[in-house]
């Protein structure tokens, strides 16, 4: 009999070493780890984990950093490796 494999999906963002965190122009804060992200609530706690590809299909997993340029358009920039 083969033992069941544990679910590799982290349960909370406090269970992992985060790859990046960012607050977007709409004032939402996100924490990223591997292929997952959490939305951090203003009131505390977080929703997730969610799969990055399910919400942002063109965003690569395992990002290294992220930042938001507020003016003039509120773009969020994600960095991975040298890109």
N, C-alpha and C. Protein backbone atom coordinates (compact mmCIF):
# COMPACT_ATOMS: atom_id res chain seq x y z
N UNK A 1 0.84 -1.18 0.00
CA UNK A 1 0.00 0.00 0.00
C UNK A 1 0.89 1.25 0.00
N UNK A 2 0.54 2.20 -0.83
CA UNK A 2 1.28 3.45 -0.94
C UNK A 2 0.66 4.47 -0.01
N UNK A 3 1.51 5.12 0.77
CA UNK A 3 1.00 6.14 1.70
C UNK A 3 0.56 7.37 0.91
N UNK A 4 -0.53 8.01 1.30
CA UNK A 4 -0.97 9.22 0.60
C UNK A 4 0.07 10.32 0.75
N UNK A 5 0.24 11.09 -0.32
CA UNK A 5 1.19 12.20 -0.31
C UNK A 5 0.54 13.43 0.32
N UNK A 6 1.30 14.15 1.13
CA UNK A 6 0.74 15.37 1.72
C UNK A 6 0.48 16.41 0.63
N UNK A 7 -0.52 17.23 0.86
CA UNK A 7 -0.86 18.31 -0.07
C UNK A 7 0.25 19.36 0.00
N UNK A 8 0.94 19.66 -1.13
CA UNK A 8 2.03 20.63 -1.10
C UNK A 8 1.58 22.09 -1.08
N UNK A 9 0.28 22.33 -1.18
CA UNK A 9 -0.23 23.69 -1.19
C UNK A 9 -0.14 24.28 0.21
N UNK A 10 0.58 25.40 0.37
CA UNK A 10 0.66 26.02 1.70
C UNK A 10 -0.72 26.50 2.13
N UNK A 11 -1.01 26.40 3.41
CA UNK A 11 -2.33 26.78 3.91
C UNK A 11 -2.44 28.28 4.15
N UNK A 12 -1.42 28.87 4.71
CA UNK A 12 -1.45 30.32 4.94
C UNK A 12 -0.13 30.92 4.47
N UNK A 13 -0.12 32.22 4.25
CA UNK A 13 1.13 32.85 3.81
C UNK A 13 2.14 32.92 4.95
N UNK A 14 1.72 32.64 6.18
CA UNK A 14 2.68 32.60 7.28
C UNK A 14 3.39 31.25 7.36
N UNK A 15 2.95 30.28 6.55
CA UNK A 15 3.57 28.96 6.52
C UNK A 15 4.78 28.89 5.59
N UNK A 16 5.06 29.95 4.85
CA UNK A 16 6.07 29.89 3.79
C UNK A 16 6.99 31.10 3.83
N UNK A 17 8.12 30.98 3.14
CA UNK A 17 8.99 32.13 2.89
C UNK A 17 8.43 32.82 1.66
N UNK A 18 8.05 34.06 1.79
CA UNK A 18 7.42 34.77 0.68
C UNK A 18 8.46 35.18 -0.36
N UNK A 19 8.05 35.11 -1.63
CA UNK A 19 8.89 35.57 -2.73
C UNK A 19 8.78 37.08 -2.91
N UNK A 20 7.58 37.61 -2.72
CA UNK A 20 7.35 39.04 -2.92
C UNK A 20 6.03 39.44 -2.28
N UNK A 21 5.92 40.73 -1.96
CA UNK A 21 4.66 41.33 -1.53
C UNK A 21 4.53 42.65 -2.26
N UNK A 22 3.29 43.03 -2.57
CA UNK A 22 3.08 44.29 -3.27
C UNK A 22 1.70 44.83 -2.93
N UNK A 23 1.60 46.16 -2.86
CA UNK A 23 0.30 46.82 -2.76
C UNK A 23 0.05 47.50 -4.10
N UNK A 24 -1.07 47.19 -4.72
CA UNK A 24 -1.39 47.69 -6.04
C UNK A 24 -2.07 49.06 -5.96
N UNK A 25 -2.28 49.68 -7.10
CA UNK A 25 -2.87 51.02 -7.16
C UNK A 25 -4.26 51.06 -6.54
N UNK A 26 -4.98 49.94 -6.57
CA UNK A 26 -6.32 49.90 -5.96
C UNK A 26 -6.27 49.57 -4.47
N UNK A 27 -5.05 49.65 -3.89
CA UNK A 27 -4.81 49.49 -2.46
C UNK A 27 -5.01 48.06 -1.96
N UNK A 28 -4.94 47.07 -2.85
CA UNK A 28 -4.98 45.68 -2.44
C UNK A 28 -3.54 45.19 -2.26
N UNK A 29 -3.32 44.41 -1.21
CA UNK A 29 -1.99 43.89 -0.94
C UNK A 29 -1.97 42.39 -1.19
N UNK A 30 -0.93 41.95 -1.90
CA UNK A 30 -0.79 40.54 -2.26
C UNK A 30 0.56 40.01 -1.78
N UNK A 31 0.56 38.77 -1.33
CA UNK A 31 1.78 38.06 -0.95
C UNK A 31 1.93 36.87 -1.91
N UNK A 32 3.15 36.66 -2.40
CA UNK A 32 3.41 35.62 -3.41
C UNK A 32 4.43 34.61 -2.91
N UNK A 33 4.17 33.34 -3.22
CA UNK A 33 5.12 32.26 -2.96
C UNK A 33 4.93 31.19 -4.01
N UNK A 34 5.98 30.92 -4.78
CA UNK A 34 5.91 29.86 -5.79
C UNK A 34 4.79 30.11 -6.77
N UNK A 35 3.86 29.16 -6.85
CA UNK A 35 2.74 29.29 -7.78
C UNK A 35 1.49 29.84 -7.12
N UNK A 36 1.61 30.31 -5.87
CA UNK A 36 0.44 30.76 -5.11
C UNK A 36 0.54 32.23 -4.72
N UNK A 37 -0.63 32.80 -4.42
CA UNK A 37 -0.67 34.14 -3.83
C UNK A 37 -1.82 34.22 -2.85
N UNK A 38 -1.73 35.18 -1.95
CA UNK A 38 -2.78 35.48 -0.98
C UNK A 38 -3.10 36.96 -1.09
N UNK A 39 -4.37 37.30 -0.90
CA UNK A 39 -4.73 38.71 -0.79
C UNK A 39 -4.82 39.02 0.70
N UNK A 40 -4.04 40.00 1.13
CA UNK A 40 -3.99 40.37 2.53
C UNK A 40 -5.09 41.38 2.79
N UNK A 41 -5.91 41.11 3.79
CA UNK A 41 -7.04 42.00 4.10
C UNK A 41 -6.60 43.15 5.00
N UNK A 42 -7.23 44.29 4.82
CA UNK A 42 -6.95 45.45 5.68
C UNK A 42 -7.28 45.16 7.14
N UNK A 43 -8.23 44.29 7.37
CA UNK A 43 -8.69 43.98 8.72
C UNK A 43 -7.88 42.87 9.37
N UNK A 44 -6.86 42.36 8.66
CA UNK A 44 -6.06 41.25 9.15
C UNK A 44 -6.47 39.97 8.46
N UNK A 45 -5.59 39.03 8.44
CA UNK A 45 -5.87 37.77 7.77
C UNK A 45 -5.66 37.87 6.27
N UNK A 46 -5.92 36.78 5.60
CA UNK A 46 -5.70 36.72 4.16
C UNK A 46 -6.65 35.73 3.52
N UNK A 47 -6.94 35.95 2.26
CA UNK A 47 -7.70 34.95 1.50
C UNK A 47 -6.71 34.21 0.61
N UNK A 48 -6.88 32.93 0.50
CA UNK A 48 -5.99 32.13 -0.32
C UNK A 48 -5.56 30.89 0.42
N UNK A 49 -4.70 30.12 -0.15
CA UNK A 49 -3.91 30.45 -1.33
C UNK A 49 -4.72 30.31 -2.62
N UNK A 50 -4.36 31.13 -3.58
CA UNK A 50 -4.92 31.07 -4.93
C UNK A 50 -3.77 30.78 -5.88
N UNK A 51 -4.07 30.12 -6.98
CA UNK A 51 -3.03 29.87 -7.98
C UNK A 51 -2.85 31.11 -8.85
N UNK A 52 -1.60 31.53 -9.00
CA UNK A 52 -1.28 32.72 -9.79
C UNK A 52 -1.87 32.60 -11.19
N UNK A 53 -1.64 31.47 -11.85
CA UNK A 53 -2.07 31.28 -13.25
C UNK A 53 -3.59 31.35 -13.41
N UNK A 54 -4.34 31.05 -12.36
CA UNK A 54 -5.80 31.11 -12.44
C UNK A 54 -6.30 32.55 -12.48
N UNK A 55 -5.53 33.48 -11.92
CA UNK A 55 -5.94 34.88 -11.88
C UNK A 55 -5.20 35.75 -12.87
N UNK A 56 -3.91 35.44 -13.07
CA UNK A 56 -3.07 36.20 -13.99
C UNK A 56 -2.35 35.20 -14.90
N UNK A 57 -3.00 34.74 -15.97
CA UNK A 57 -2.42 33.68 -16.82
C UNK A 57 -1.05 34.02 -17.40
N UNK A 58 -0.76 35.29 -17.63
CA UNK A 58 0.51 35.67 -18.24
C UNK A 58 1.62 35.93 -17.21
N UNK A 59 1.29 35.91 -15.93
CA UNK A 59 2.28 36.17 -14.90
C UNK A 59 3.03 34.89 -14.57
N UNK A 60 4.35 34.96 -14.57
CA UNK A 60 5.16 33.79 -14.26
C UNK A 60 5.08 33.47 -12.76
N UNK A 61 5.33 32.22 -12.43
CA UNK A 61 5.38 31.80 -11.03
C UNK A 61 6.77 32.07 -10.48
N UNK A 62 6.92 31.96 -9.18
CA UNK A 62 8.20 32.15 -8.51
C UNK A 62 8.81 33.53 -8.82
N UNK A 63 7.99 34.57 -8.70
CA UNK A 63 8.50 35.92 -8.98
C UNK A 63 9.50 36.32 -7.90
N UNK A 64 10.38 37.24 -8.26
CA UNK A 64 11.42 37.67 -7.33
C UNK A 64 11.09 38.96 -6.59
N UNK A 65 10.33 39.83 -7.23
CA UNK A 65 9.99 41.12 -6.62
C UNK A 65 8.83 41.73 -7.38
N UNK A 66 8.19 42.71 -6.75
CA UNK A 66 7.09 43.43 -7.40
C UNK A 66 7.02 44.83 -6.80
N UNK A 67 6.62 45.78 -7.63
CA UNK A 67 6.39 47.14 -7.13
C UNK A 67 5.32 47.79 -7.99
N UNK A 68 4.68 48.81 -7.42
CA UNK A 68 3.63 49.54 -8.12
C UNK A 68 4.08 50.96 -8.35
N UNK A 69 3.93 51.41 -9.58
CA UNK A 69 4.17 52.80 -9.94
C UNK A 69 2.81 53.48 -9.89
N UNK A 70 2.60 54.34 -8.90
CA UNK A 70 1.27 54.92 -8.68
C UNK A 70 0.88 55.92 -9.77
N UNK A 71 1.81 56.75 -10.18
CA UNK A 71 1.49 57.80 -11.16
C UNK A 71 2.20 57.51 -12.47
N UNK A 72 1.66 57.74 -13.60
CA UNK A 72 0.31 58.26 -13.81
C UNK A 72 -0.75 57.19 -13.97
N UNK A 73 -0.36 55.90 -14.12
CA UNK A 73 -1.35 54.89 -14.48
C UNK A 73 -1.57 53.80 -13.44
N UNK A 74 -0.77 53.73 -12.41
CA UNK A 74 -0.95 52.71 -11.39
C UNK A 74 -0.56 51.31 -11.84
N UNK A 75 0.52 51.20 -12.60
CA UNK A 75 0.97 49.89 -13.08
C UNK A 75 1.74 49.16 -12.00
N UNK A 76 1.53 47.84 -11.93
CA UNK A 76 2.32 47.00 -11.04
C UNK A 76 3.31 46.22 -11.91
N UNK A 77 4.57 46.23 -11.50
CA UNK A 77 5.64 45.59 -12.23
C UNK A 77 6.10 44.37 -11.44
N UNK A 78 6.18 43.22 -12.11
CA UNK A 78 6.66 41.98 -11.49
C UNK A 78 8.02 41.64 -12.10
N UNK A 79 8.96 41.25 -11.26
CA UNK A 79 10.30 40.92 -11.71
C UNK A 79 10.61 39.44 -11.43
N UNK A 80 11.27 38.81 -12.39
CA UNK A 80 11.70 37.42 -12.24
C UNK A 80 13.04 37.29 -12.95
N UNK A 81 14.00 36.71 -12.25
CA UNK A 81 15.34 36.56 -12.77
C UNK A 81 15.84 37.92 -13.26
N UNK A 82 16.29 38.00 -14.50
CA UNK A 82 16.77 39.29 -15.01
C UNK A 82 15.72 40.02 -15.83
N UNK A 83 14.46 39.57 -15.74
CA UNK A 83 13.39 40.21 -16.52
C UNK A 83 12.49 41.02 -15.61
